[in-house]
Amino acid sequence: QVQLVESGGGLVQAGGSLRLSCAASGRTFSMYAMGWFRQAPGKDREFVATISGSGGTRNYADSVKGRFTISRDNAKNTVSLQMNSLNSEDTAVYYCATGRSMLRVGSAPRDVDYWGQGTQVTVSS
């Protein structure tokens, strides 16, 4: 049983930074890509970033490119999302996610097999 547990959300002022972490268990972590999605109130869940099992390939949504960085520590079975230059449009519940691929997590929620419980990020202006 794959389990994903996020941490690190909170309230931050616009222009500030936050770092989210996700601890994974239940299967060989390094063999699977990991990703982050987010869901703002009244909106669909959307793709944010993904990283391959080895950590060598990363992809980002255009809306966060240059501001967010996804990374992973395969020794600790964790994936992180460093978020800089936050603005009000980044306010959402952020979800850790994984699927069946080693290369990337698909950008559609239907491509995800496992979700974390989510962590709230609120950016105040």
PDB file of N, CA and C in Angstrom:
ATOM      1  N   GLN A   1       0.836  -1.175   0.000  1.00  0.00           N
ATOM      2  CA  GLN A   1       0.000   0.000   0.000  1.00  0.00           C
ATOM      3  C   GLN A   1       0.883   1.242   0.000  1.00  0.00           C
ATOM      4  N   VAL A   2       0.777   2.032  -1.062  1.00  0.00           N
ATOM      5  CA  VAL A   2       1.560   3.257  -1.167  1.00  0.00           C
ATOM      6  C   VAL A   2       0.913   4.341  -0.306  1.00  0.00           C
ATOM      7  N   GLN A   3       1.729   4.993   0.485  1.00  0.00           N
ATOM      8  CA  GLN A   3       1.249   6.113   1.296  1.00  0.00           C
ATOM      9  C   GLN A   3       2.110   7.337   1.036  1.00  0.00           C
ATOM     10  N   LEU A   4       1.450   8.479   0.930  1.00  0.00           N
ATOM     11  CA  LEU A   4       2.123   9.742   0.703  1.00  0.00           C
ATOM     12  C   LEU A   4       1.643  10.717   1.769  1.00  0.00           C
ATOM     13  N   VAL A   5       2.579  11.344   2.458  1.00  0.00           N
ATOM     14  CA  VAL A   5       2.232  12.265   3.539  1.00  0.00           C
ATOM     15  C   VAL A   5       2.950  13.589   3.321  1.00  0.00           C
ATOM     16  N   GLU A   6       2.163  14.637   3.070  1.00  0.00           N
ATOM     17  CA  GLU A   6       2.732  15.957   2.828  1.00  0.00           C
ATOM     18  C   GLU A   6       2.909  16.729   4.132  1.00  0.00           C
ATOM     19  N   SER A   7       3.818  17.692   4.076  1.00  0.00           N
ATOM     20  CA  SER A   7       4.010  18.626   5.186  1.00  0.00           C
ATOM     21  C   SER A   7       4.584  19.913   4.625  1.00  0.00           C
ATOM     22  N   GLY A   8       4.503  20.969   5.421  1.00  0.00           N
ATOM     23  CA  GLY A   8       5.161  22.216   5.053  1.00  0.00           C
ATOM     24  C   GLY A   8       4.272  23.328   4.568  1.00  0.00           C
ATOM     25  N   GLY A   9       2.982  23.097   4.460  1.00  0.00           N
ATOM     26  CA  GLY A   9       2.099  24.168   4.027  1.00  0.00           C
ATOM     27  C   GLY A   9       1.950  25.232   5.106  1.00  0.00           C
ATOM     28  N   GLY A  10       1.269  26.308   4.750  1.00  0.00           N
ATOM     29  CA  GLY A  10       1.044  27.374   5.724  1.00  0.00           C
ATOM     30  C   GLY A  10       0.655  28.669   5.063  1.00  0.00           C
ATOM     31  N   LEU A  11       0.744  29.735   5.849  1.00  0.00           N
ATOM     32  CA  LEU A  11       0.399  31.071   5.393  1.00  0.00           C
ATOM     33  C   LEU A  11       1.677  31.864   5.142  1.00  0.00           C
ATOM     34  N   VAL A  12       1.740  32.514   3.996  1.00  0.00           N
ATOM     35  CA  VAL A  12       2.929  33.291   3.646  1.00  0.00           C
ATOM     36  C   VAL A  12       2.491  34.553   2.914  1.00  0.00           C
ATOM     37  N   GLN A  13       3.272  35.603   3.043  1.00  0.00           N
ATOM     38  CA  GLN A  13       2.966  36.840   2.337  1.00  0.00           C
ATOM     39  C   GLN A  13       3.401  36.739   0.884  1.00  0.00           C
ATOM     40  N   ALA A  14       2.743  37.499   0.049  1.00  0.00           N
ATOM     41  CA  ALA A  14       3.110  37.535  -1.366  1.00  0.00           C
ATOM     42  C   ALA A  14       4.592  37.904  -1.505  1.00  0.00           C
ATOM     43  N   GLY A  15       5.253  37.199  -2.386  1.00  0.00           N
ATOM     44  CA  GLY A  15       6.679  37.395  -2.583  1.00  0.00           C
ATOM     45  C   GLY A  15       7.537  36.487  -1.731  1.00  0.00           C
ATOM     46  N   GLY A  16       6.924  35.799  -0.796  1.00  0.00           N
ATOM     47  CA  GLY A  16       7.644  34.917   0.097  1.00  0.00           C
ATOM     48  C   GLY A  16       7.860  33.525  -0.463  1.00  0.00           C
ATOM     49  N   SER A  17       8.381  32.650   0.395  1.00  0.00           N
ATOM     50  CA  SER A  17       8.727  31.282  -0.014  1.00  0.00           C
ATOM     51  C   SER A  17       8.187  30.267   0.980  1.00  0.00           C
ATOM     52  N   LEU A  18       7.951  29.070   0.460  1.00  0.00           N
ATOM     53  CA  LEU A  18       7.584  27.915   1.282  1.00  0.00           C
ATOM     54  C   LEU A  18       8.213  26.685   0.666  1.00  0.00           C
ATOM     55  N   ARG A  19       8.436  25.707   1.513  1.00  0.00           N
ATOM     56  CA  ARG A  19       8.957  24.415   1.027  1.00  0.00           C
ATOM     57  C   ARG A  19       8.032  23.320   1.500  1.00  0.00           C
ATOM     58  N   LEU A  20       7.494  22.585   0.554  1.00  0.00           N
ATOM     59  CA  LEU A  20       6.645  21.436   0.850  1.00  0.00           C
ATOM     60  C   LEU A  20       7.469  20.158   0.751  1.00  0.00           C
ATOM     61  N   SER A  21       7.116  19.200   1.603  1.00  0.00           N
ATOM     62  CA  SER A  21       7.762  17.892   1.552  1.00  0.00           C
ATOM     63  C   SER A  21       6.716  16.789   1.524  1.00  0.00           C
ATOM     64  N   CYS A  22       7.102  15.674   0.960  1.00  0.00           N
ATOM     65  CA  CYS A  22       6.211  14.515   0.888  1.00  0.00           C
ATOM     66  C   CYS A  22       7.030  13.276   1.195  1.00  0.00           C
ATOM     67  N   ALA A  23       6.598  12.532   2.195  1.00  0.00           N
ATOM     68  CA  ALA A  23       7.253  11.276   2.551  1.00  0.00           C
ATOM     69  C   ALA A  23       6.461  10.122   1.966  1.00  0.00           C
ATOM     70  N   ALA A  24       7.145   9.242   1.257  1.00  0.00           N
ATOM     71  CA  ALA A  24       6.491   8.137   0.574  1.00  0.00           C
ATOM     72  C   ALA A  24       6.903   6.812   1.195  1.00  0.00           C
ATOM     73  N   SER A  25       5.983   5.858   1.154  1.00  0.00           N
ATOM     74  CA  SER A  25       6.268   4.505   1.634  1.00  0.00           C
ATOM     75  C   SER A  25       5.421   3.516   0.861  1.00  0.00           C
ATOM     76  N   GLY A  26       5.799   2.258   0.916  1.00  0.00           N
ATOM     77  CA  GLY A  26       4.982   1.208   0.337  1.00  0.00           C
ATOM     78  C   GLY A  26       5.494   0.567  -0.926  1.00  0.00           C
ATOM     79  N   ARG A  27       6.515   1.175  -1.548  1.00  0.00           N
ATOM     80  CA  ARG A  27       7.123   0.548  -2.708  1.00  0.00           C
ATOM     81  C   ARG A  27       8.509   1.147  -2.902  1.00  0.00           C
ATOM     82  N   THR A  28       9.254   0.648  -3.873  1.00  0.00           N
ATOM     83  CA  THR A  28      10.620   1.115  -4.109  1.00  0.00           C
ATOM     84  C   THR A  28      10.561   2.525  -4.683  1.00  0.00           C
ATOM     85  N   PHE A  29      10.878   3.486  -3.861  1.00  0.00           N
ATOM     86  CA  PHE A  29      10.670   4.899  -4.171  1.00  0.00           C
ATOM     87  C   PHE A  29      11.392   5.328  -5.446  1.00  0.00           C
ATOM     88  N   SER A  30      12.631   4.930  -5.601  1.00  0.00           N
ATOM     89  CA  SER A  30      13.446   5.422  -6.714  1.00  0.00           C
ATOM     90  C   SER A  30      12.986   4.912  -8.080  1.00  0.00           C
ATOM     91  N   MET A  31      12.085   3.950  -8.106  1.00  0.00           N
ATOM     92  CA  MET A  31      11.636   3.389  -9.375  1.00  0.00           C
ATOM     93  C   MET A  31      10.462   4.149  -9.983  1.00  0.00           C
ATOM     94  N   TYR A  32       9.969   5.158  -9.283  1.00  0.00           N
ATOM     95  CA  TYR A  32       8.760   5.841  -9.742  1.00  0.00           C
ATOM     96  C   TYR A  32       8.918   7.359  -9.729  1.00  0.00           C
ATOM     97  N   ALA A  33       8.362   7.966 -10.746  1.00  0.00           N
ATOM     98  CA  ALA A  33       8.305   9.422 -10.770  1.00  0.00           C
ATOM     99  C   ALA A  33       7.363   9.924  -9.683  1.00  0.00           C
ATOM    100  N   MET A  34       7.610  11.142  -9.262  1.00  0.00           N
ATOM    101  CA  MET A  34       6.769  11.800  -8.273  1.00  0.00           C
ATOM    102  C   MET A  34       6.317  13.145  -8.826  1.00  0.00           C
ATOM    103  N   GLY A  35       5.226  13.642  -8.289  1.00  0.00           N
ATOM    104  CA  GLY A  35       4.726  14.921  -8.777  1.00  0.00           C
ATOM    105  C   GLY A  35       3.949  15.685  -7.720  1.00  0.00           C
ATOM    106  N   TRP A  36       3.661  16.927  -8.072  1.00  0.00           N
ATOM    107  CA  TRP A  36       2.820  17.785  -7.240  1.00  0.00           C
ATOM    108  C   TRP A  36       1.690  18.346  -8.095  1.00  0.00           C
ATOM    109  N   PHE A  37       0.509  18.366  -7.506  1.00  0.00           N
ATOM    110  CA  PHE A  37      -0.659  19.005  -8.092  1.00  0.00           C
ATOM    111  C   PHE A  37      -1.188  20.008  -7.075  1.00  0.00           C
ATOM    112  N   ARG A  38      -2.096  20.860  -7.515  1.00  0.00           N
ATOM    113  CA  ARG A  38      -2.753  21.770  -6.590  1.00  0.00           C
ATOM    114  C   ARG A  38      -4.188  21.991  -7.016  1.00  0.00           C
ATOM    115  N   GLN A  39      -4.996  22.385  -6.035  1.00  0.00           N
ATOM    116  CA  GLN A  39      -6.401  22.659  -6.300  1.00  0.00           C
ATOM    117  C   GLN A  39      -6.835  23.873  -5.511  1.00  0.00           C
ATOM    118  N   ALA A  40      -7.183  24.921  -6.243  1.00  0.00           N
ATOM    119  CA  ALA A  40      -7.692  26.139  -5.633  1.00  0.00           C
ATOM    120  C   ALA A  40      -9.201  26.034  -5.460  1.00  0.00           C
ATOM    121  N   PRO A  41      -9.774  26.816  -4.550  1.00  0.00           N
ATOM    122  CA  PRO A  41     -11.230  26.753  -4.326  1.00  0.00           C
ATOM    123  C   PRO A  41     -12.005  27.004  -5.615  1.00  0.00           C
ATOM    124  N   GLY A  42     -12.934  26.110  -5.918  1.00  0.00           N
ATOM    125  CA  GLY A  42     -13.775  26.271  -7.091  1.00  0.00           C
ATOM    126  C   GLY A  42     -13.118  25.933  -8.412  1.00  0.00           C
ATOM    127  N   LYS A  43     -11.895  25.425  -8.353  1.00  0.00           N
ATOM    128  CA  LYS A  43     -11.181  25.094  -9.590  1.00  0.00           C
ATOM    129  C   LYS A  43     -10.820  23.626  -9.636  1.00  0.00           C
ATOM    130  N   ASP A  44     -10.495  23.156 -10.824  1.00  0.00           N
ATOM    131  CA  ASP A  44     -10.064  21.776 -10.990  1.00  0.00           C
ATOM    132  C   ASP A  44      -8.653  21.595 -10.438  1.00  0.00           C
ATOM    133  N   ARG A  45      -8.342  20.362 -10.095  1.00  0.00           N
ATOM    134  CA  ARG A  45      -6.986  20.048  -9.668  1.00  0.00           C
ATOM    135  C   ARG A  45      -6.063  20.163 -10.883  1.00  0.00           C
ATOM    136  N   GLU A  46      -4.904  20.811 -10.692  1.00  0.00           N
ATOM    137  CA  GLU A  46      -4.004  21.033 -11.815  1.00  0.00           C
ATOM    138  C   GLU A  46      -2.591  20.584 -11.499  1.00  0.00           C
ATOM    139  N   PHE A  47      -1.909  20.201 -12.560  1.00  0.00           N
ATOM    140  CA  PHE A  47      -0.524  19.758 -12.484  1.00  0.00           C
ATOM    141  C   PHE A  47       0.389  20.928 -12.124  1.00  0.00           C
ATOM    142  N   VAL A  48       1.385  20.657 -11.279  1.00  0.00           N
ATOM    143  CA  VAL A  48       2.377  21.675 -10.917  1.00  0.00           C
ATOM    144  C   VAL A  48       3.774  21.267 -11.400  1.00  0.00           C
ATOM    145  N   ALA A  49       4.213  20.069 -11.004  1.00  0.00           N
ATOM    146  CA  ALA A  49       5.579  19.664 -11.341  1.00  0.00           C
ATOM    147  C   ALA A  49       5.712  18.158 -11.207  1.00  0.00           C
ATOM    148  N   THR A  50       6.703  17.612 -11.907  1.00  0.00           N
ATOM    149  CA  THR A  50       7.007  16.197 -11.798  1.00  0.00           C
ATOM    150  C   THR A  50       8.504  15.978 -11.906  1.00  0.00           C
ATOM    151  N   ILE A  51       8.979  14.895 -11.297  1.00  0.00           N
ATOM    152  CA  ILE A  51      10.392  14.552 -11.331  1.00  0.00           C
ATOM    153  C   ILE A  51      10.519  13.051 -11.540  1.00  0.00           C
ATOM    154  N   SER A  52      11.470  12.653 -12.358  1.00  0.00           N
ATOM    155  CA  SER A  52      11.659  11.240 -12.658  1.00  0.00           C
ATOM    156  C   SER A  52      12.234  10.498 -11.455  1.00  0.00           C
ATOM    157  N   GLY A  53      12.204   9.175 -11.537  1.00  0.00           N
ATOM    158  CA  GLY A  53      12.691   8.353 -10.439  1.00  0.00           C
ATOM    159  C   GLY A  53      14.136   8.631 -10.065  1.00  0.00           C
ATOM    160  N   SER A  54      14.962   8.888 -11.052  1.00  0.00           N
ATOM    161  CA  SER A  54      16.371   9.176 -10.792  1.00  0.00           C
ATOM    162  C   SER A  54      16.604  10.620 -10.377  1.00  0.00           C
ATOM    163  N   GLY A  55      15.618  11.458 -10.613  1.00  0.00           N
ATOM    164  CA  GLY A  55      15.759  12.889 -10.342  1.00  0.00           C
ATOM    165  C   GLY A  55      16.349  13.671 -11.484  1.00  0.00           C
ATOM    166  N   GLY A  56      16.670  12.995 -12.584  1.00  0.00           N
ATOM    167  CA  GLY A  56      17.355  13.659 -13.677  1.00  0.00           C
ATOM    168  C   GLY A  56      16.454  14.440 -14.614  1.00  0.00           C
ATOM    169  N   THR A  57      15.162  14.186 -14.591  1.00  0.00           N
ATOM    170  CA  THR A  57      14.222  14.872 -15.481  1.00  0.00           C
ATOM    171  C   THR A  57      13.136  15.540 -14.652  1.00  0.00           C
ATOM    172  N   ARG A  58      12.915  16.811 -14.936  1.00  0.00           N
ATOM    173  CA  ARG A  58      11.907  17.583 -14.216  1.00  0.00           C
ATOM    174  C   ARG A  58      11.071  18.350 -15.233  1.00  0.00           C
ATOM    175  N   ASN A  59       9.809  18.469 -14.951  1.00  0.00           N
ATOM    176  CA  ASN A  59       8.899  19.243 -15.791  1.00  0.00           C
ATOM    177  C   ASN A  59       7.991  20.079 -14.903  1.00  0.00           C
ATOM    178  N   TYR A  60       7.637  21.254 -15.416  1.00  0.00           N
ATOM    179  CA  TYR A  60       6.842  22.192 -14.624  1.00  0.00           C
ATOM    180  C   TYR A  60       5.688  22.742 -15.446  1.00  0.00           C
ATOM    181  N   ALA A  61       4.631  23.111 -14.750  1.00  0.00           N
ATOM    182  CA  ALA A  61       3.571  23.882 -15.390  1.00  0.00           C
ATOM    183  C   ALA A  61       4.122  25.266 -15.714  1.00  0.00           C
ATOM    184  N   ASP A  62       3.631  25.845 -16.785  1.00  0.00           N
ATOM    185  CA  ASP A  62       4.121  27.170 -17.191  1.00  0.00           C
ATOM    186  C   ASP A  62       3.917  28.201 -16.088  1.00  0.00           C
ATOM    187  N   SER A  63       2.866  28.050 -15.324  1.00  0.00           N
ATOM    188  CA  SER A  63       2.526  29.043 -14.306  1.00  0.00           C
ATOM    189  C   SER A  63       3.522  29.095 -13.149  1.00  0.00           C
ATOM    190  N   VAL A  64       4.322  28.038 -12.987  1.00  0.00           N
ATOM    191  CA  VAL A  64       5.269  28.005 -11.866  1.00  0.00           C
ATOM    192  C   VAL A  64       6.721  27.944 -12.327  1.00  0.00           C
ATOM    193  N   LYS A  65       6.935  27.812 -13.616  1.00  0.00           N
ATOM    194  CA  LYS A  65       8.290  27.664 -14.143  1.00  0.00           C
ATOM    195  C   LYS A  65       9.139  28.870 -13.762  1.00  0.00           C
ATOM    196  N   GLY A  66      10.326  28.598 -13.247  1.00  0.00           N
ATOM    197  CA  GLY A  66      11.219  29.672 -12.824  1.00  0.00           C
ATOM    198  C   GLY A  66      11.024  30.098 -11.382  1.00  0.00           C
ATOM    199  N   ARG A  67       9.920  29.695 -10.769  1.00  0.00           N
ATOM    200  CA  ARG A  67       9.650  30.046  -9.368  1.00  0.00           C
ATOM    201  C   ARG A  67       9.674  28.830  -8.439  1.00  0.00           C
ATOM    202  N   PHE A  68       9.226  27.692  -8.942  1.00  0.00           N
ATOM    203  CA  PHE A  68       9.150  26.472  -8.143  1.00  0.00           C
ATOM    204  C   PHE A  68      10.243  25.499  -8.590  1.00  0.00           C
ATOM    205  N   THR A  69      10.740  24.720  -7.628  1.00  0.00           N
ATOM    206  CA  THR A  69      11.720  23.684  -7.926  1.00  0.00           C
ATOM    207  C   THR A  69      11.336  22.393  -7.227  1.00  0.00           C
ATOM    208  N   ILE A  70      11.223  21.333  -8.006  1.00  0.00           N
ATOM    209  CA  ILE A  70      10.939  20.016  -7.444  1.00  0.00           C
ATOM    210  C   ILE A  70      12.249  19.256  -7.298  1.00  0.00           C
ATOM    211  N   SER A  71      12.377  18.514  -6.197  1.00  0.00           N
ATOM    212  CA  SER A  71      13.579  17.714  -5.968  1.00  0.00           C
ATOM    213  C   SER A  71      13.183  16.460  -5.189  1.00  0.00           C
ATOM    214  N   ARG A  72      14.090  15.522  -5.139  1.00  0.00           N
ATOM    215  CA  ARG A  72      13.817  14.294  -4.400  1.00  0.00           C
ATOM    216  C   ARG A  72      15.081  13.789  -3.743  1.00  0.00           C
ATOM    217  N   ASP A  73      14.897  13.048  -2.662  1.00  0.00           N
ATOM    218  CA  ASP A  73      15.985  12.394  -1.946  1.00  0.00           C
ATOM    219  C   ASP A  73      15.627  10.916  -1.871  1.00  0.00           C
ATOM    220  N   ASN A  74      16.210  10.117  -2.743  1.00  0.00           N
ATOM    221  CA  ASN A  74      15.850   8.703  -2.805  1.00  0.00           C
ATOM    222  C   ASN A  74      16.343   7.919  -1.595  1.00  0.00           C
ATOM    223  N   ALA A  75      17.307   8.425  -0.885  1.00  0.00           N
ATOM    224  CA  ALA A  75      17.776   7.770   0.335  1.00  0.00           C
ATOM    225  C   ALA A  75      16.765   7.941   1.472  1.00  0.00           C
ATOM    226  N   LYS A  76      16.002   9.032   1.421  1.00  0.00           N
ATOM    227  CA  LYS A  76      15.038   9.321   2.475  1.00  0.00           C
ATOM    228  C   LYS A  76      13.593   9.115   2.026  1.00  0.00           C
ATOM    229  N   ASN A  77      13.409   8.721   0.766  1.00  0.00           N
ATOM    230  CA  ASN A  77      12.062   8.504   0.218  1.00  0.00           C
ATOM    231  C   ASN A  77      11.193   9.760   0.339  1.00  0.00           C
ATOM    232  N   THR A  78      11.767  10.882  -0.002  1.00  0.00           N
ATOM    233  CA  THR A  78      11.029  12.131   0.071  1.00  0.00           C
ATOM    234  C   THR A  78      11.137  12.923  -1.232  1.00  0.00           C
ATOM    235  N   VAL A  79      10.111  13.688  -1.507  1.00  0.00           N
ATOM    236  CA  VAL A  79      10.102  14.625  -2.622  1.00  0.00           C
ATOM    237  C   VAL A  79       9.694  15.977  -2.060  1.00  0.00           C
ATOM    238  N   SER A  80      10.308  17.025  -2.590  1.00  0.00           N
ATOM    239  CA  SER A  80      10.063  18.370  -2.072  1.00  0.00           C
ATOM    240  C   SER A  80       9.676  19.323  -3.194  1.00  0.00           C
ATOM    241  N   LEU A  81       9.018  20.389  -2.790  1.00  0.00           N
ATOM    242  CA  LEU A  81       8.670  21.452  -3.732  1.00  0.00           C
ATOM    243  C   LEU A  81       9.051  22.780  -3.082  1.00  0.00           C
ATOM    244  N   GLN A  82      10.092  23.396  -3.595  1.00  0.00           N
ATOM    245  CA  GLN A  82      10.515  24.716  -3.126  1.00  0.00           C
ATOM    246  C   GLN A  82       9.756  25.762  -3.930  1.00  0.00           C
ATOM    247  N   MET A  83       9.015  26.616  -3.242  1.00  0.00           N
ATOM    248  CA  MET A  83       8.172  27.600  -3.908  1.00  0.00           C
ATOM    249  C   MET A  83       8.644  29.000  -3.537  1.00  0.00           C
ATOM    250  N   ASN A  84       9.078  29.745  -4.531  1.00  0.00           N
ATOM    251  CA  ASN A  84       9.556  31.106  -4.329  1.00  0.00           C
ATOM    252  C   ASN A  84       8.669  32.099  -5.064  1.00  0.00           C
ATOM    253  N   SER A  85       8.795  33.354  -4.698  1.00  0.00           N
ATOM    254  CA  SER A  85       8.033  34.431  -5.348  1.00  0.00           C
ATOM    255  C   SER A  85       6.552  34.102  -5.411  1.00  0.00           C
ATOM    256  N   LEU A  86       6.023  33.679  -4.296  1.00  0.00           N
ATOM    257  CA  LEU A  86       4.619  33.259  -4.258  1.00  0.00           C
ATOM    258  C   LEU A  86       3.687  34.448  -4.443  1.00  0.00           C
ATOM    259  N   ASN A  87       2.574  34.186  -5.091  1.00  0.00           N
ATOM    260  CA  ASN A  87       1.539  35.197  -5.259  1.00  0.00           C
ATOM    261  C   ASN A  87       0.182  34.588  -4.930  1.00  0.00           C
ATOM    262  N   SER A  88      -0.845  35.416  -4.913  1.00  0.00           N
ATOM    263  CA  SER A  88      -2.165  34.967  -4.471  1.00  0.00           C
ATOM    264  C   SER A  88      -2.710  33.838  -5.338  1.00  0.00           C
ATOM    265  N   GLU A  89      -2.297  33.779  -6.582  1.00  0.00           N
ATOM    266  CA  GLU A  89      -2.781  32.717  -7.472  1.00  0.00           C
ATOM    267  C   GLU A  89      -2.187  31.357  -7.125  1.00  0.00           C
ATOM    268  N   ASP A  90      -1.209  31.332  -6.255  1.00  0.00           N
ATOM    269  CA  ASP A  90      -0.633  30.066  -5.806  1.00  0.00           C
ATOM    270  C   ASP A  90      -1.382  29.486  -4.621  1.00  0.00           C
ATOM    271  N   THR A  91      -2.342  30.223  -4.082  1.00  0.00           N
ATOM    272  CA  THR A  91      -3.140  29.726  -2.964  1.00  0.00           C
ATOM    273  C   THR A  91      -3.948  28.512  -3.404  1.00  0.00           C
ATOM    274  N   ALA A  92      -3.756  27.406  -2.689  1.00  0.00           N
ATOM    275  CA  ALA A  92      -4.403  26.148  -3.071  1.00  0.00           C
ATOM    276  C   ALA A  92      -4.040  25.074  -2.050  1.00  0.00           C
ATOM    277  N   VAL A  93      -4.722  23.953  -2.163  1.00  0.00           N
ATOM    278  CA  VAL A  93      -4.283  22.746  -1.470  1.00  0.00           C
ATOM    279  C   VAL A  93      -3.323  22.027  -2.415  1.00  0.00           C
ATOM    280  N   TYR A  94      -2.157  21.697  -1.910  1.00  0.00           N
ATOM    281  CA  TYR A  94      -1.130  21.043  -2.717  1.00  0.00           C
ATOM    282  C   TYR A  94      -1.082  19.554  -2.387  1.00  0.00           C
ATOM    283  N   TYR A  95      -1.048  18.740  -3.444  1.00  0.00           N
ATOM    284  CA  TYR A  95      -1.083  17.292  -3.292  1.00  0.00           C
ATOM    285  C   TYR A  95       0.171  16.653  -3.886  1.00  0.00           C
ATOM    286  N   CYS A  96       0.750  15.762  -3.139  1.00  0.00           N
ATOM    287  CA  CYS A  96       1.815  14.901  -3.637  1.00  0.00           C
ATOM    288  C   CYS A  96       1.165  13.757  -4.419  1.00  0.00           C
ATOM    289  N   ALA A  97       1.816  13.309  -5.486  1.00  0.00           N
ATOM    290  CA  ALA A  97       1.191  12.318  -6.341  1.00  0.00           C
ATOM    291  C   ALA A  97       2.233  11.414  -6.982  1.00  0.00           C
ATOM    292  N   THR A  98       1.804  10.201  -7.314  1.00  0.00           N
ATOM    293  CA  THR A  98       2.673   9.290  -8.039  1.00  0.00           C
ATOM    294  C   THR A  98       1.832   8.337  -8.860  1.00  0.00           C
ATOM    295  N   GLY A  99       2.488   7.758  -9.874  1.00  0.00           N
ATOM    296  CA  GLY A  99       1.767   6.850 -10.753  1.00  0.00           C
ATOM    297  C   GLY A  99       2.564   5.597 -11.025  1.00  0.00           C
ATOM    298  N   ARG A 100       2.585   5.176 -12.303  1.00  0.00           N
ATOM    299  CA  ARG A 100       3.218   3.910 -12.671  1.00  0.00           C
ATOM    300  C   ARG A 100       4.510   4.089 -13.455  1.00  0.00           C
ATOM    301  N   SER A 101       4.811   5.312 -13.812  1.00  0.00           N
ATOM    302  CA  SER A 101       5.958   5.572 -14.667  1.00  0.00           C
ATOM    303  C   SER A 101       7.198   5.949 -13.860  1.00  0.00           C
ATOM    304  N   MET A 102       8.348   5.607 -14.395  1.00  0.00           N
ATOM    305  CA  MET A 102       9.601   6.047 -13.792  1.00  0.00           C
ATOM    306  C   MET A 102       9.985   7.433 -14.299  1.00  0.00           C
ATOM    307  N   LEU A 103       9.491   7.802 -15.468  1.00  0.00           N
ATOM    308  CA  LEU A 103       9.948   9.035 -16.097  1.00  0.00           C
ATOM    309  C   LEU A 103       9.197  10.274 -15.606  1.00  0.00           C
ATOM    310  N   ARG A 104       7.881  10.211 -15.556  1.00  0.00           N
ATOM    311  CA  ARG A 104       7.124  11.376 -15.136  1.00  0.00           C
ATOM    312  C   ARG A 104       5.727  10.980 -14.684  1.00  0.00           C
ATOM    313  N   VAL A 105       5.136  11.829 -13.876  1.00  0.00           N
ATOM    314  CA  VAL A 105       3.720  11.696 -13.530  1.00  0.00           C
ATOM    315  C   VAL A 105       2.939  12.482 -14.577  1.00  0.00           C
ATOM    316  N   GLY A 106       1.922  11.867 -15.143  1.00  0.00           N
ATOM    317  CA  GLY A 106       1.130  12.535 -16.154  1.00  0.00           C
ATOM    318  C   GLY A 106       0.501  13.805 -15.626  1.00  0.00           C
ATOM    319  N   SER A 107       0.233  14.744 -16.516  1.00  0.00           N
ATOM    320  CA  SER A 107      -0.267  16.041 -16.107  1.00  0.00           C
ATOM    321  C   SER A 107      -1.763  16.056 -15.829  1.00  0.00           C
ATOM    322  N   ALA A 108      -2.449  14.973 -16.129  1.00  0.00           N
ATOM    323  CA  ALA A 108      -3.876  14.895 -15.834  1.00  0.00           C
ATOM    324  C   ALA A 108      -4.103  14.118 -14.547  1.00  0.00           C
ATOM    325  N   PRO A 109      -5.009  14.566 -13.701  1.00  0.00           N
ATOM    326  CA  PRO A 109      -5.271  13.841 -12.456  1.00  0.00           C
ATOM    327  C   PRO A 109      -5.622  12.372 -12.671  1.00  0.00           C
ATOM    328  N   ARG A 110      -6.224  12.036 -13.809  1.00  0.00           N
ATOM    329  CA  ARG A 110      -6.583  10.646 -14.066  1.00  0.00           C
ATOM    330  C   ARG A 110      -5.348   9.759 -14.244  1.00  0.00           C
ATOM    331  N   ASP A 111      -4.195  10.384 -14.477  1.00  0.00           N
ATOM    332  CA  ASP A 111      -2.956   9.625 -14.640  1.00  0.00           C
ATOM    333  C   ASP A 111      -2.321   9.245 -13.300  1.00  0.00           C
ATOM    334  N   VAL A 112      -2.859   9.759 -12.218  1.00  0.00           N
ATOM    335  CA  VAL A 112      -2.284   9.536 -10.891  1.00  0.00           C
ATOM    336  C   VAL A 112      -2.936   8.331 -10.229  1.00  0.00           C
ATOM    337  N   ASP A 113      -2.093   7.474  -9.677  1.00  0.00           N
ATOM    338  CA  ASP A 113      -2.592   6.301  -8.958  1.00  0.00           C
ATOM    339  C   ASP A 113      -2.713   6.535  -7.456  1.00  0.00           C
ATOM    340  N   TYR A 114      -1.827   7.360  -6.925  1.00  0.00           N
ATOM    341  CA  TYR A 114      -1.806   7.574  -5.476  1.00  0.00           C
ATOM    342  C   TYR A 114      -1.684   9.067  -5.173  1.00  0.00           C
ATOM    343  N   TRP A 115      -2.449   9.499  -4.173  1.00  0.00           N
ATOM    344  CA  TRP A 115      -2.455  10.896  -3.740  1.00  0.00           C
ATOM    345  C   TRP A 115      -2.135  10.987  -2.251  1.00  0.00           C
ATOM    346  N   GLY A 116      -1.492  12.083  -1.875  1.00  0.00           N
ATOM    347  CA  GLY A 116      -1.395  12.412  -0.479  1.00  0.00           C
ATOM    348  C   GLY A 116      -2.683  13.067  -0.005  1.00  0.00           C
ATOM    349  N   GLN A 117      -2.714  13.430   1.263  1.00  0.00           N
ATOM    350  CA  GLN A 117      -3.931  14.014   1.830  1.00  0.00           C
ATOM    351  C   GLN A 117      -4.056  15.498   1.526  1.00  0.00           C
ATOM    352  N   GLY A 118      -2.984  16.113   1.105  1.00  0.00           N
ATOM    353  CA  GLY A 118      -2.994  17.528   0.746  1.00  0.00           C
ATOM    354  C   GLY A 118      -2.532  18.413   1.892  1.00  0.00           C
ATOM    355  N   THR A 119      -1.930  19.540   1.525  1.00  0.00           N
ATOM    356  CA  THR A 119      -1.501  20.524   2.508  1.00  0.00           C
ATOM    357  C   THR A 119      -1.863  21.914   1.976  1.00  0.00           C
ATOM    358  N   GLN A 120      -2.414  22.746   2.840  1.00  0.00           N
ATOM    359  CA  GLN A 120      -2.907  24.053   2.429  1.00  0.00           C
ATOM    360  C   GLN A 120      -1.775  25.065   2.340  1.00  0.00           C
ATOM    361  N   VAL A 121      -1.738  25.783   1.230  1.00  0.00           N
ATOM    362  CA  VAL A 121      -0.831  26.914   1.054  1.00  0.00           C
ATOM    363  C   VAL A 121      -1.695  28.152   0.812  1.00  0.00           C
ATOM    364  N   THR A 122      -1.520  29.159   1.655  1.00  0.00           N
ATOM    365  CA  THR A 122      -2.274  30.395   1.524  1.00  0.00           C
ATOM    366  C   THR A 122      -1.304  31.560   1.400  1.00  0.00           C
ATOM    367  N   VAL A 123      -1.448  32.319   0.308  1.00  0.00           N
ATOM    368  CA  VAL A 123      -0.577  33.468   0.065  1.00  0.00           C
ATOM    369  C   VAL A 123      -1.411  34.727   0.260  1.00  0.00           C
ATOM    370  N   SER A 124      -0.996  35.549   1.200  1.00  0.00           N
ATOM    371  CA  SER A 124      -1.724  36.788   1.474  1.00  0.00           C
ATOM    372  C   SER A 124      -1.078  37.944   0.725  1.00  0.00           C
ATOM    373  N   SER A 125      -1.935  38.818   0.221  1.00  0.00           N
ATOM    374  CA  SER A 125      -1.427  39.963  -0.556  1.00  0.00           C
ATOM    375  C   SER A 125      -1.286  41.201   0.323  1.00  0.00           C
TER     376      SER A 125
END
